[in-house]
Amino acid sequence: MITGLWRWRGNPLRRATDALEAWVALSALLAMLLVAPLVGAAVGASSSAALNRAVQVQHDSRHRVQATVDKISGLYRVDPDPETSSDRDTGARVQADWQAPDGTWQHGSVASGRAHPQVGDTFTLWVDDQGKPVAPPMATGTAGVHAALAGIGAAGLTVGLIEGLRRLAVWSMLRRRYDRWDTEWAQAGPDWGRTGTGS
């Protein structure tokens, strides 16, 4: 882009649109280098703040309790929760008893996290304030990764938008140039290049 500007500097064959195209390319490059990182940082910081608030809410409203296996429901496995790295939803499903944060006893079918649980085994279970089973709270590190990915994605989209605008501007200039050529060609007429034309 910069070499394009230098190549056209003082060149007698340079058209105004050539220099303009080079300046548009240089402006787009500078915008990609300056604007895209700022947008990415702003989106990443905003996402991080929102996700950290959500993580804090989850940590405040979800509680780890000990559940006791009362009966084996089945030996099939359930896919892990995609939002966590925990194996909360793996292992055999069991009928279990646990004490809710308010002190009441709960009973239900839950994933034990074990492949071969036995009646009387205890395992960790996450519950909400009412004692209902929930996913574990999101880890702070996971929230940070999501925020970083959001920032990188925003920066990438900004670069794509700038490149799209540059291409649109160049396409518009080329179209105007071709229209001028068509007009000049039409003015030259069918006699262009013949001997004695214009004499």
N, C-alpha and C. Protein backbone atom coordinates (compact mmCIF):
# COMPACT_ATOMS: atom_id res chain seq x y z
N MET A 1 0.83 -1.20 0.00
CA MET A 1 0.00 0.00 0.00
C MET A 1 0.87 1.25 0.00
N ILE A 2 1.85 1.28 0.93
CA ILE A 2 2.74 2.44 0.98
C ILE A 2 3.63 2.45 -0.26
N THR A 3 4.09 1.27 -0.70
CA THR A 3 4.90 1.23 -1.92
C THR A 3 4.07 1.67 -3.12
N GLY A 4 2.77 1.38 -3.08
CA GLY A 4 1.88 1.83 -4.16
C GLY A 4 1.83 3.34 -4.23
N LEU A 5 1.79 3.98 -3.07
CA LEU A 5 1.80 5.45 -3.05
C LEU A 5 3.11 5.98 -3.63
N TRP A 6 4.23 5.37 -3.20
CA TRP A 6 5.54 5.84 -3.65
C TRP A 6 5.71 5.62 -5.15
N ARG A 7 5.19 4.46 -5.66
CA ARG A 7 5.34 4.16 -7.08
C ARG A 7 4.64 5.21 -7.94
N TRP A 8 3.48 5.71 -7.47
CA TRP A 8 2.73 6.67 -8.27
C TRP A 8 3.22 8.11 -8.08
N ARG A 9 4.11 8.35 -7.11
CA ARG A 9 4.55 9.70 -6.85
C ARG A 9 5.33 10.25 -8.04
N GLY A 10 4.80 11.29 -8.67
CA GLY A 10 5.48 11.94 -9.78
C GLY A 10 5.46 11.16 -11.08
N ASN A 11 4.76 10.08 -11.14
CA ASN A 11 4.70 9.26 -12.36
C ASN A 11 3.77 9.95 -13.35
N PRO A 12 4.24 10.22 -14.59
CA PRO A 12 3.38 10.93 -15.55
C PRO A 12 2.17 10.09 -15.99
N LEU A 13 2.21 8.79 -15.80
CA LEU A 13 1.08 7.94 -16.17
C LEU A 13 0.05 7.83 -15.04
N ARG A 14 0.35 8.43 -13.91
CA ARG A 14 -0.54 8.33 -12.77
C ARG A 14 -1.84 9.06 -13.02
N ARG A 15 -2.93 8.35 -12.76
CA ARG A 15 -4.25 8.99 -12.81
C ARG A 15 -4.63 9.40 -11.39
N ALA A 16 -5.56 10.32 -11.29
CA ALA A 16 -6.00 10.75 -9.95
C ALA A 16 -6.56 9.58 -9.16
N THR A 17 -7.24 8.67 -9.86
CA THR A 17 -7.84 7.53 -9.15
C THR A 17 -6.78 6.55 -8.65
N ASP A 18 -5.63 6.50 -9.31
CA ASP A 18 -4.56 5.61 -8.84
C ASP A 18 -4.07 6.05 -7.47
N ALA A 19 -3.80 7.33 -7.36
CA ALA A 19 -3.35 7.86 -6.07
C ALA A 19 -4.45 7.72 -5.02
N LEU A 20 -5.69 7.96 -5.43
CA LEU A 20 -6.81 7.84 -4.48
C LEU A 20 -6.95 6.40 -3.99
N GLU A 21 -6.81 5.42 -4.88
CA GLU A 21 -6.87 4.02 -4.47
C GLU A 21 -5.78 3.69 -3.46
N ALA A 22 -4.57 4.21 -3.71
CA ALA A 22 -3.47 3.96 -2.78
C ALA A 22 -3.74 4.59 -1.43
N TRP A 23 -4.30 5.81 -1.41
CA TRP A 23 -4.63 6.47 -0.15
C TRP A 23 -5.74 5.73 0.60
N VAL A 24 -6.72 5.22 -0.14
CA VAL A 24 -7.79 4.43 0.48
C VAL A 24 -7.20 3.18 1.12
N ALA A 25 -6.28 2.51 0.42
CA ALA A 25 -5.64 1.31 0.96
C ALA A 25 -4.84 1.63 2.22
N LEU A 26 -4.09 2.74 2.19
CA LEU A 26 -3.30 3.13 3.36
C LEU A 26 -4.20 3.47 4.53
N SER A 27 -5.29 4.19 4.27
CA SER A 27 -6.24 4.53 5.34
C SER A 27 -6.86 3.28 5.94
N ALA A 28 -7.19 2.31 5.08
CA ALA A 28 -7.78 1.06 5.57
C ALA A 28 -6.78 0.30 6.44
N LEU A 29 -5.52 0.28 6.02
CA LEU A 29 -4.50 -0.41 6.81
C LEU A 29 -4.34 0.24 8.18
N LEU A 30 -4.28 1.57 8.21
CA LEU A 30 -4.14 2.27 9.48
C LEU A 30 -5.36 2.03 10.38
N ALA A 31 -6.54 2.02 9.78
CA ALA A 31 -7.76 1.76 10.56
C ALA A 31 -7.73 0.34 11.13
N MET A 32 -7.26 -0.63 10.32
CA MET A 32 -7.17 -2.01 10.82
C MET A 32 -6.19 -2.11 11.99
N LEU A 33 -5.08 -1.38 11.89
CA LEU A 33 -4.05 -1.46 12.93
C LEU A 33 -4.43 -0.69 14.19
N LEU A 34 -5.24 0.35 14.05
CA LEU A 34 -5.56 1.20 15.20
C LEU A 34 -6.96 0.96 15.75
N VAL A 35 -7.95 0.90 14.87
CA VAL A 35 -9.34 0.82 15.32
C VAL A 35 -9.71 -0.59 15.78
N ALA A 36 -9.33 -1.59 14.98
CA ALA A 36 -9.72 -2.97 15.31
C ALA A 36 -9.24 -3.41 16.70
N PRO A 37 -7.99 -3.13 17.09
CA PRO A 37 -7.58 -3.52 18.45
C PRO A 37 -8.36 -2.78 19.53
N LEU A 38 -8.69 -1.51 19.29
CA LEU A 38 -9.47 -0.76 20.28
C LEU A 38 -10.87 -1.34 20.44
N VAL A 39 -11.49 -1.69 19.32
CA VAL A 39 -12.82 -2.30 19.37
C VAL A 39 -12.74 -3.65 20.09
N GLY A 40 -11.74 -4.45 19.75
CA GLY A 40 -11.57 -5.75 20.40
C GLY A 40 -11.36 -5.61 21.90
N ALA A 41 -10.53 -4.65 22.31
CA ALA A 41 -10.28 -4.44 23.73
C ALA A 41 -11.54 -3.98 24.46
N ALA A 42 -12.30 -3.09 23.82
CA ALA A 42 -13.53 -2.59 24.46
C ALA A 42 -14.56 -3.70 24.61
N VAL A 43 -14.74 -4.50 23.56
CA VAL A 43 -15.70 -5.60 23.64
C VAL A 43 -15.24 -6.65 24.64
N GLY A 44 -13.95 -6.95 24.64
CA GLY A 44 -13.41 -7.92 25.60
C GLY A 44 -13.60 -7.47 27.03
N ALA A 45 -13.32 -6.19 27.30
CA ALA A 45 -13.49 -5.67 28.67
C ALA A 45 -14.95 -5.68 29.09
N SER A 46 -15.83 -5.27 28.17
CA SER A 46 -17.26 -5.27 28.48
C SER A 46 -17.76 -6.69 28.73
N SER A 47 -17.35 -7.63 27.89
CA SER A 47 -17.75 -9.02 28.06
C SER A 47 -17.21 -9.59 29.36
N SER A 48 -15.98 -9.25 29.67
CA SER A 48 -15.37 -9.75 30.90
C SER A 48 -16.14 -9.26 32.13
N ALA A 49 -16.50 -7.98 32.12
CA ALA A 49 -17.24 -7.44 33.26
C ALA A 49 -18.60 -8.13 33.40
N ALA A 50 -19.30 -8.30 32.28
CA ALA A 50 -20.62 -8.94 32.32
C ALA A 50 -20.51 -10.40 32.76
N LEU A 51 -19.53 -11.12 32.21
CA LEU A 51 -19.37 -12.53 32.57
C LEU A 51 -18.94 -12.69 34.02
N ASN A 52 -18.08 -11.81 34.50
CA ASN A 52 -17.66 -11.90 35.91
C ASN A 52 -18.81 -11.64 36.86
N ARG A 53 -19.71 -10.71 36.46
CA ARG A 53 -20.91 -10.49 37.28
C ARG A 53 -21.78 -11.75 37.29
N ALA A 54 -21.93 -12.37 36.10
CA ALA A 54 -22.73 -13.60 36.01
C ALA A 54 -22.10 -14.72 36.83
N VAL A 55 -20.77 -14.83 36.78
CA VAL A 55 -20.08 -15.86 37.57
C VAL A 55 -20.31 -15.62 39.05
N GLN A 56 -20.24 -14.35 39.46
CA GLN A 56 -20.44 -14.04 40.87
C GLN A 56 -21.86 -14.40 41.32
N VAL A 57 -22.84 -14.08 40.46
CA VAL A 57 -24.23 -14.42 40.77
C VAL A 57 -24.38 -15.93 40.88
N GLN A 58 -23.76 -16.66 39.96
CA GLN A 58 -23.84 -18.13 40.01
C GLN A 58 -23.20 -18.67 41.29
N HIS A 59 -22.05 -18.13 41.66
CA HIS A 59 -21.38 -18.61 42.87
C HIS A 59 -22.20 -18.28 44.12
N ASP A 60 -22.92 -17.16 44.08
CA ASP A 60 -23.74 -16.79 45.24
C ASP A 60 -25.02 -17.61 45.34
N SER A 61 -25.53 -18.08 44.19
CA SER A 61 -26.84 -18.74 44.20
C SER A 61 -26.77 -20.26 44.04
N ARG A 62 -25.58 -20.81 43.84
CA ARG A 62 -25.43 -22.26 43.69
C ARG A 62 -24.57 -22.80 44.82
N HIS A 63 -24.98 -23.94 45.33
CA HIS A 63 -24.33 -24.48 46.52
C HIS A 63 -23.94 -25.93 46.30
N ARG A 64 -22.77 -26.28 46.85
CA ARG A 64 -22.29 -27.65 46.77
C ARG A 64 -22.79 -28.40 48.01
N VAL A 65 -23.46 -29.52 47.76
CA VAL A 65 -23.96 -30.34 48.87
C VAL A 65 -23.52 -31.79 48.63
N GLN A 66 -23.63 -32.57 49.67
CA GLN A 66 -23.32 -34.00 49.57
C GLN A 66 -24.63 -34.76 49.42
N ALA A 67 -24.71 -35.58 48.37
CA ALA A 67 -25.90 -36.41 48.14
C ALA A 67 -25.53 -37.87 48.42
N THR A 68 -26.53 -38.60 48.85
CA THR A 68 -26.32 -40.02 49.15
C THR A 68 -27.17 -40.87 48.21
N VAL A 69 -26.53 -41.87 47.59
CA VAL A 69 -27.23 -42.74 46.66
C VAL A 69 -28.24 -43.59 47.43
N ASP A 70 -29.50 -43.54 46.98
CA ASP A 70 -30.56 -44.33 47.59
C ASP A 70 -30.91 -45.53 46.71
N LYS A 71 -30.82 -45.33 45.37
CA LYS A 71 -31.18 -46.39 44.43
C LYS A 71 -30.52 -46.09 43.09
N ILE A 72 -30.07 -47.11 42.39
CA ILE A 72 -29.46 -46.95 41.06
C ILE A 72 -30.58 -46.89 40.04
N SER A 73 -30.61 -45.78 39.24
CA SER A 73 -31.67 -45.64 38.24
C SER A 73 -31.28 -46.28 36.92
N GLY A 74 -30.03 -46.16 36.52
CA GLY A 74 -29.59 -46.70 35.24
C GLY A 74 -28.10 -46.50 35.09
N LEU A 75 -27.51 -47.27 34.22
CA LEU A 75 -26.06 -47.21 34.05
C LEU A 75 -25.64 -46.49 32.78
N TYR A 76 -26.54 -45.70 32.20
CA TYR A 76 -26.16 -44.96 31.01
C TYR A 76 -25.47 -43.67 31.39
N ARG A 77 -24.75 -43.12 30.45
CA ARG A 77 -24.01 -41.87 30.68
C ARG A 77 -24.68 -40.74 29.93
N VAL A 78 -24.61 -39.56 30.49
CA VAL A 78 -25.18 -38.37 29.89
C VAL A 78 -24.04 -37.46 29.48
N ASP A 79 -24.21 -36.74 28.34
CA ASP A 79 -23.14 -35.84 27.88
C ASP A 79 -22.87 -34.77 28.90
N PRO A 80 -21.60 -34.38 29.05
CA PRO A 80 -21.26 -33.31 29.99
C PRO A 80 -21.87 -31.97 29.58
N ASP A 81 -22.08 -31.12 30.55
CA ASP A 81 -22.58 -29.77 30.30
C ASP A 81 -21.54 -29.00 29.50
N PRO A 82 -21.87 -28.46 28.32
CA PRO A 82 -20.87 -27.79 27.49
C PRO A 82 -20.33 -26.51 28.10
N GLU A 83 -21.01 -25.93 29.08
CA GLU A 83 -20.54 -24.67 29.65
C GLU A 83 -19.53 -24.87 30.76
N THR A 84 -19.33 -26.09 31.18
CA THR A 84 -18.41 -26.32 32.29
C THR A 84 -17.43 -27.40 31.90
N SER A 85 -16.36 -27.48 32.66
CA SER A 85 -15.40 -28.55 32.45
C SER A 85 -15.66 -29.69 33.42
N SER A 86 -16.73 -29.61 34.18
CA SER A 86 -17.06 -30.61 35.18
C SER A 86 -17.72 -31.82 34.55
N ASP A 87 -17.64 -32.96 35.24
CA ASP A 87 -18.34 -34.14 34.76
C ASP A 87 -19.62 -34.36 35.57
N ARG A 88 -20.27 -33.27 35.95
CA ARG A 88 -21.48 -33.31 36.75
C ARG A 88 -22.53 -34.21 36.15
N ASP A 89 -22.69 -34.21 34.83
CA ASP A 89 -23.77 -34.95 34.20
C ASP A 89 -23.30 -36.28 33.63
N THR A 90 -22.16 -36.78 34.12
CA THR A 90 -21.71 -38.07 33.62
C THR A 90 -21.94 -39.13 34.68
N GLY A 91 -21.86 -40.34 34.27
CA GLY A 91 -22.02 -41.45 35.20
C GLY A 91 -23.45 -41.93 35.26
N ALA A 92 -23.66 -42.91 36.12
CA ALA A 92 -24.98 -43.51 36.24
C ALA A 92 -25.94 -42.54 36.92
N ARG A 93 -27.20 -42.60 36.49
CA ARG A 93 -28.24 -41.82 37.17
C ARG A 93 -28.72 -42.62 38.36
N VAL A 94 -28.92 -41.89 39.45
CA VAL A 94 -29.33 -42.55 40.70
C VAL A 94 -30.46 -41.77 41.35
N GLN A 95 -31.19 -42.44 42.20
CA GLN A 95 -32.10 -41.76 43.12
C GLN A 95 -31.26 -41.42 44.34
N ALA A 96 -31.28 -40.16 44.72
CA ALA A 96 -30.41 -39.73 45.81
C ALA A 96 -31.16 -38.80 46.76
N ASP A 97 -30.61 -38.68 47.96
CA ASP A 97 -31.12 -37.76 48.98
C ASP A 97 -30.05 -36.73 49.27
N TRP A 98 -30.46 -35.49 49.48
CA TRP A 98 -29.52 -34.44 49.86
C TRP A 98 -30.27 -33.37 50.65
N GLN A 99 -29.50 -32.59 51.39
CA GLN A 99 -30.08 -31.53 52.21
C GLN A 99 -29.90 -30.20 51.50
N ALA A 100 -31.01 -29.49 51.29
CA ALA A 100 -30.98 -28.18 50.63
C ALA A 100 -30.36 -27.15 51.55
N PRO A 101 -29.92 -26.01 51.00
CA PRO A 101 -29.33 -24.96 51.85
C PRO A 101 -30.27 -24.46 52.95
N ASP A 102 -31.59 -24.57 52.72
CA ASP A 102 -32.53 -24.11 53.76
C ASP A 102 -32.80 -25.17 54.82
N GLY A 103 -32.10 -26.32 54.71
CA GLY A 103 -32.23 -27.36 55.71
C GLY A 103 -33.23 -28.45 55.39
N THR A 104 -34.04 -28.29 54.37
CA THR A 104 -35.01 -29.32 54.01
C THR A 104 -34.31 -30.44 53.25
N TRP A 105 -34.88 -31.65 53.33
CA TRP A 105 -34.31 -32.79 52.63
C TRP A 105 -34.99 -32.95 51.29
N GLN A 106 -34.18 -33.23 50.27
CA GLN A 106 -34.68 -33.39 48.90
C GLN A 106 -34.38 -34.81 48.43
N HIS A 107 -35.16 -35.26 47.47
CA HIS A 107 -34.96 -36.59 46.89
C HIS A 107 -35.24 -36.47 45.40
N GLY A 108 -34.40 -37.09 44.57
CA GLY A 108 -34.63 -37.03 43.14
C GLY A 108 -33.64 -37.85 42.35
N SER A 109 -33.87 -37.86 41.03
CA SER A 109 -33.00 -38.59 40.12
C SER A 109 -31.95 -37.63 39.59
N VAL A 110 -30.69 -37.96 39.80
CA VAL A 110 -29.59 -37.10 39.38
C VAL A 110 -28.45 -37.96 38.83
N ALA A 111 -27.55 -37.33 38.10
CA ALA A 111 -26.34 -38.02 37.63
C ALA A 111 -25.34 -38.04 38.77
N SER A 112 -24.77 -39.20 39.00
CA SER A 112 -23.88 -39.36 40.16
C SER A 112 -22.45 -38.93 39.88
N GLY A 113 -22.08 -38.85 38.61
CA GLY A 113 -20.69 -38.55 38.29
C GLY A 113 -19.79 -39.77 38.43
N ARG A 114 -20.40 -40.92 38.68
CA ARG A 114 -19.63 -42.16 38.83
C ARG A 114 -20.15 -43.20 37.87
N ALA A 115 -19.25 -44.03 37.39
CA ALA A 115 -19.65 -45.06 36.45
C ALA A 115 -20.39 -46.21 37.14
N HIS A 116 -19.96 -46.55 38.36
CA HIS A 116 -20.55 -47.70 39.06
C HIS A 116 -20.83 -47.33 40.52
N PRO A 117 -21.82 -46.49 40.76
CA PRO A 117 -22.12 -46.11 42.15
C PRO A 117 -22.81 -47.27 42.89
N GLN A 118 -22.68 -47.25 44.19
CA GLN A 118 -23.33 -48.24 45.05
C GLN A 118 -24.29 -47.51 46.00
N VAL A 119 -25.33 -48.21 46.41
CA VAL A 119 -26.27 -47.63 47.37
C VAL A 119 -25.48 -47.25 48.63
N GLY A 120 -25.70 -46.03 49.10
CA GLY A 120 -25.01 -45.53 50.28
C GLY A 120 -23.80 -44.66 49.95
N ASP A 121 -23.32 -44.69 48.69
CA ASP A 121 -22.21 -43.82 48.29
C ASP A 121 -22.64 -42.37 48.37
N THR A 122 -21.68 -41.51 48.66
CA THR A 122 -21.95 -40.07 48.65
C THR A 122 -21.20 -39.43 47.48
N PHE A 123 -21.76 -38.37 46.96
CA PHE A 123 -21.13 -37.64 45.87
C PHE A 123 -21.53 -36.18 45.96
N THR A 124 -20.75 -35.33 45.29
CA THR A 124 -21.01 -33.89 45.32
C THR A 124 -22.09 -33.54 44.31
N LEU A 125 -23.00 -32.67 44.73
CA LEU A 125 -24.09 -32.22 43.88
C LEU A 125 -24.24 -30.71 44.05
N TRP A 126 -24.43 -30.01 42.93
CA TRP A 126 -24.68 -28.56 42.99
C TRP A 126 -26.18 -28.33 42.95
N VAL A 127 -26.65 -27.46 43.84
CA VAL A 127 -28.08 -27.16 43.92
C VAL A 127 -28.28 -25.65 44.03
N ASP A 128 -29.51 -25.20 43.69
CA ASP A 128 -29.83 -23.78 43.86
C ASP A 128 -30.33 -23.53 45.28
N ASP A 129 -30.82 -22.33 45.56
CA ASP A 129 -31.27 -21.98 46.91
C ASP A 129 -32.43 -22.84 47.38
N GLN A 130 -33.22 -23.36 46.42
CA GLN A 130 -34.35 -24.21 46.79
C GLN A 130 -33.98 -25.69 46.87
N GLY A 131 -32.72 -26.02 46.57
CA GLY A 131 -32.27 -27.39 46.65
C GLY A 131 -32.42 -28.17 45.37
N LYS A 132 -32.79 -27.52 44.27
CA LYS A 132 -32.94 -28.21 42.99
C LYS A 132 -31.57 -28.33 42.32
N PRO A 133 -31.27 -29.50 41.71
CA PRO A 133 -29.96 -29.69 41.06
C PRO A 133 -29.76 -28.71 39.91
N VAL A 134 -28.57 -28.14 39.85
CA VAL A 134 -28.21 -27.19 38.79
C VAL A 134 -26.79 -27.49 38.33
N ALA A 135 -26.39 -26.86 37.24
CA ALA A 135 -25.00 -26.98 36.77
C ALA A 135 -24.07 -26.26 37.73
N PRO A 136 -22.83 -26.70 37.82
CA PRO A 136 -21.87 -25.97 38.66
C PRO A 136 -21.70 -24.55 38.14
N PRO A 137 -21.32 -23.63 39.01
CA PRO A 137 -21.09 -22.26 38.52
C PRO A 137 -19.92 -22.23 37.55
N MET A 138 -19.99 -21.30 36.61
CA MET A 138 -18.92 -21.16 35.63
C MET A 138 -17.63 -20.75 36.33
N ALA A 139 -16.54 -21.34 35.91
CA ALA A 139 -15.24 -20.98 36.48
C ALA A 139 -14.82 -19.61 35.99
N THR A 140 -14.10 -18.88 36.84
CA THR A 140 -13.63 -17.54 36.47
C THR A 140 -12.74 -17.61 35.23
N GLY A 141 -11.91 -18.64 35.15
CA GLY A 141 -11.04 -18.81 33.98
C GLY A 141 -11.83 -19.00 32.69
N THR A 142 -12.94 -19.74 32.78
CA THR A 142 -13.79 -19.95 31.61
C THR A 142 -14.40 -18.63 31.16
N ALA A 143 -14.82 -17.82 32.13
CA ALA A 143 -15.37 -16.50 31.80
C ALA A 143 -14.33 -15.64 31.10
N GLY A 144 -13.08 -15.72 31.56
CA GLY A 144 -12.00 -14.96 30.93
C GLY A 144 -11.74 -15.40 29.50
N VAL A 145 -11.80 -16.70 29.27
CA VAL A 145 -11.59 -17.23 27.91
C VAL A 145 -12.71 -16.75 26.99
N HIS A 146 -13.96 -16.82 27.49
CA HIS A 146 -15.10 -16.35 26.67
C HIS A 146 -14.96 -14.86 26.34
N ALA A 147 -14.53 -14.06 27.32
CA ALA A 147 -14.36 -12.63 27.09
C ALA A 147 -13.26 -12.37 26.07
N ALA A 148 -12.15 -13.11 26.18
CA ALA A 148 -11.05 -12.93 25.22
C ALA A 148 -11.51 -13.31 23.81
N LEU A 149 -12.26 -14.40 23.69
CA LEU A 149 -12.76 -14.81 22.38
C LEU A 149 -13.72 -13.76 21.81
N ALA A 150 -14.53 -13.16 22.67
CA ALA A 150 -15.45 -12.11 22.20
C ALA A 150 -14.66 -10.91 21.67
N GLY A 151 -13.59 -10.53 22.38
CA GLY A 151 -12.75 -9.42 21.93
C GLY A 151 -12.06 -9.71 20.62
N ILE A 152 -11.52 -10.93 20.49
CA ILE A 152 -10.85 -11.32 19.24
C ILE A 152 -11.85 -11.34 18.09
N GLY A 153 -13.04 -11.87 18.37
CA GLY A 153 -14.08 -11.91 17.32
C GLY A 153 -14.49 -10.52 16.88
N ALA A 154 -14.64 -9.59 17.85
CA ALA A 154 -15.02 -8.22 17.50
C ALA A 154 -13.93 -7.54 16.68
N ALA A 155 -12.67 -7.77 17.05
CA ALA A 155 -11.57 -7.19 16.28
C ALA A 155 -11.56 -7.75 14.86
N GLY A 156 -11.77 -9.06 14.74
CA GLY A 156 -11.82 -9.68 13.41
C GLY A 156 -12.95 -9.15 12.56
N LEU A 157 -14.12 -8.97 13.17
CA LEU A 157 -15.25 -8.41 12.43
C LEU A 157 -14.97 -6.97 12.00
N THR A 158 -14.29 -6.21 12.85
CA THR A 158 -13.94 -4.84 12.50
C THR A 158 -13.00 -4.81 11.31
N VAL A 159 -12.00 -5.70 11.32
CA VAL A 159 -11.07 -5.79 10.18
C VAL A 159 -11.84 -6.14 8.91
N GLY A 160 -12.76 -7.10 9.02
CA GLY A 160 -13.56 -7.49 7.86
C GLY A 160 -14.42 -6.35 7.34
N LEU A 161 -15.00 -5.58 8.26
CA LEU A 161 -15.82 -4.44 7.86
C LEU A 161 -14.98 -3.38 7.15
N ILE A 162 -13.81 -3.09 7.70
CA ILE A 162 -12.93 -2.09 7.07
C ILE A 162 -12.50 -2.55 5.68
N GLU A 163 -12.14 -3.84 5.57
CA GLU A 163 -11.73 -4.37 4.26
C GLU A 163 -12.91 -4.33 3.28
N GLY A 164 -14.10 -4.63 3.76
CA GLY A 164 -15.27 -4.55 2.89
C GLY A 164 -15.52 -3.13 2.40
N LEU A 165 -15.37 -2.15 3.29
CA LEU A 165 -15.54 -0.75 2.88
C LEU A 165 -14.47 -0.34 1.88
N ARG A 166 -13.23 -0.82 2.10
CA ARG A 166 -12.16 -0.49 1.15
C ARG A 166 -12.47 -1.06 -0.22
N ARG A 167 -12.91 -2.31 -0.25
CA ARG A 167 -13.22 -2.94 -1.54
C ARG A 167 -14.39 -2.22 -2.23
N LEU A 168 -15.37 -1.80 -1.43
CA LEU A 168 -16.50 -1.08 -2.00
C LEU A 168 -16.06 0.25 -2.60
N ALA A 169 -15.16 0.95 -1.89
CA ALA A 169 -14.66 2.23 -2.40
C ALA A 169 -13.87 2.03 -3.69
N VAL A 170 -13.00 1.00 -3.71
CA VAL A 170 -12.20 0.74 -4.92
C VAL A 170 -13.12 0.33 -6.07
N TRP A 171 -14.11 -0.51 -5.80
CA TRP A 171 -15.05 -0.92 -6.84
C TRP A 171 -15.79 0.29 -7.42
N SER A 172 -16.18 1.23 -6.54
CA SER A 172 -16.87 2.43 -6.99
C SER A 172 -15.97 3.28 -7.88
N MET A 173 -14.69 3.41 -7.49
CA MET A 173 -13.75 4.18 -8.31
C MET A 173 -13.51 3.52 -9.66
N LEU A 174 -13.37 2.19 -9.66
CA LEU A 174 -13.18 1.48 -10.92
C LEU A 174 -14.39 1.63 -11.83
N ARG A 175 -15.56 1.57 -11.26
CA ARG A 175 -16.77 1.71 -12.07
C ARG A 175 -16.83 3.09 -12.72
N ARG A 176 -16.49 4.13 -11.93
CA ARG A 176 -16.48 5.49 -12.50
C ARG A 176 -15.42 5.61 -13.59
N ARG A 177 -14.28 4.97 -13.37
CA ARG A 177 -13.20 5.01 -14.38
C ARG A 177 -13.66 4.34 -15.68
N TYR A 178 -14.30 3.17 -15.56
CA TYR A 178 -14.78 2.47 -16.75
C TYR A 178 -15.87 3.27 -17.46
N ASP A 179 -16.71 3.94 -16.68
CA ASP A 179 -17.75 4.79 -17.30
C ASP A 179 -17.11 5.92 -18.10
N ARG A 180 -16.04 6.53 -17.54
CA ARG A 180 -15.34 7.60 -18.26
C ARG A 180 -14.69 7.06 -19.53
N TRP A 181 -14.10 5.88 -19.44
CA TRP A 181 -13.49 5.27 -20.62
C TRP A 181 -14.54 5.03 -21.70
N ASP A 182 -15.70 4.53 -21.29
CA ASP A 182 -16.76 4.28 -22.27
C ASP A 182 -17.19 5.59 -22.94
N THR A 183 -17.29 6.65 -22.15
CA THR A 183 -17.67 7.95 -22.69
C THR A 183 -16.61 8.45 -23.67
N GLU A 184 -15.33 8.35 -23.28
CA GLU A 184 -14.25 8.82 -24.14
C GLU A 184 -14.17 7.97 -25.41
N TRP A 185 -14.40 6.68 -25.28
CA TRP A 185 -14.37 5.80 -26.45
C TRP A 185 -15.49 6.16 -27.41
N ALA A 186 -16.66 6.44 -26.86
CA ALA A 186 -17.79 6.82 -27.70
C ALA A 186 -17.51 8.14 -28.41
N GLN A 187 -16.82 9.07 -27.73
CA GLN A 187 -16.51 10.36 -28.35
C GLN A 187 -15.47 10.21 -29.46
N ALA A 188 -14.56 9.23 -29.29
CA ALA A 188 -13.54 9.02 -30.32
C ALA A 188 -14.19 8.53 -31.61
N GLY A 189 -15.28 7.81 -31.47
CA GLY A 189 -16.03 7.38 -32.65
C GLY A 189 -15.39 6.22 -33.37
N PRO A 190 -16.06 5.74 -34.40
CA PRO A 190 -15.56 4.58 -35.15
C PRO A 190 -14.35 4.89 -36.00
N ASP A 191 -13.98 6.18 -36.15
CA ASP A 191 -12.84 6.53 -37.01
C ASP A 191 -11.51 6.49 -36.26
N TRP A 192 -11.55 6.12 -35.00
CA TRP A 192 -10.32 6.14 -34.22
C TRP A 192 -9.28 5.21 -34.86
N GLY A 193 -8.07 5.73 -35.04
CA GLY A 193 -6.98 4.93 -35.58
C GLY A 193 -6.88 4.95 -37.09
N ARG A 194 -7.84 5.55 -37.78
CA ARG A 194 -7.75 5.56 -39.26
C ARG A 194 -6.81 6.67 -39.72
N THR A 195 -6.17 6.45 -40.84
CA THR A 195 -5.25 7.44 -41.38
C THR A 195 -6.02 8.68 -41.81
N GLY A 196 -5.52 9.82 -41.38
CA GLY A 196 -6.14 11.09 -41.79
C GLY A 196 -7.28 11.52 -40.92
N THR A 197 -7.60 10.78 -39.88
CA THR A 197 -8.70 11.16 -39.01
C THR A 197 -8.35 12.44 -38.30
N GLY A 198 -9.28 13.35 -38.30
CA GLY A 198 -9.07 14.62 -37.60
C GLY A 198 -8.33 15.65 -38.40
N SER A 199 -7.96 15.38 -39.65
CA SER A 199 -7.23 16.36 -40.46
C SER A 199 -8.17 17.13 -41.35
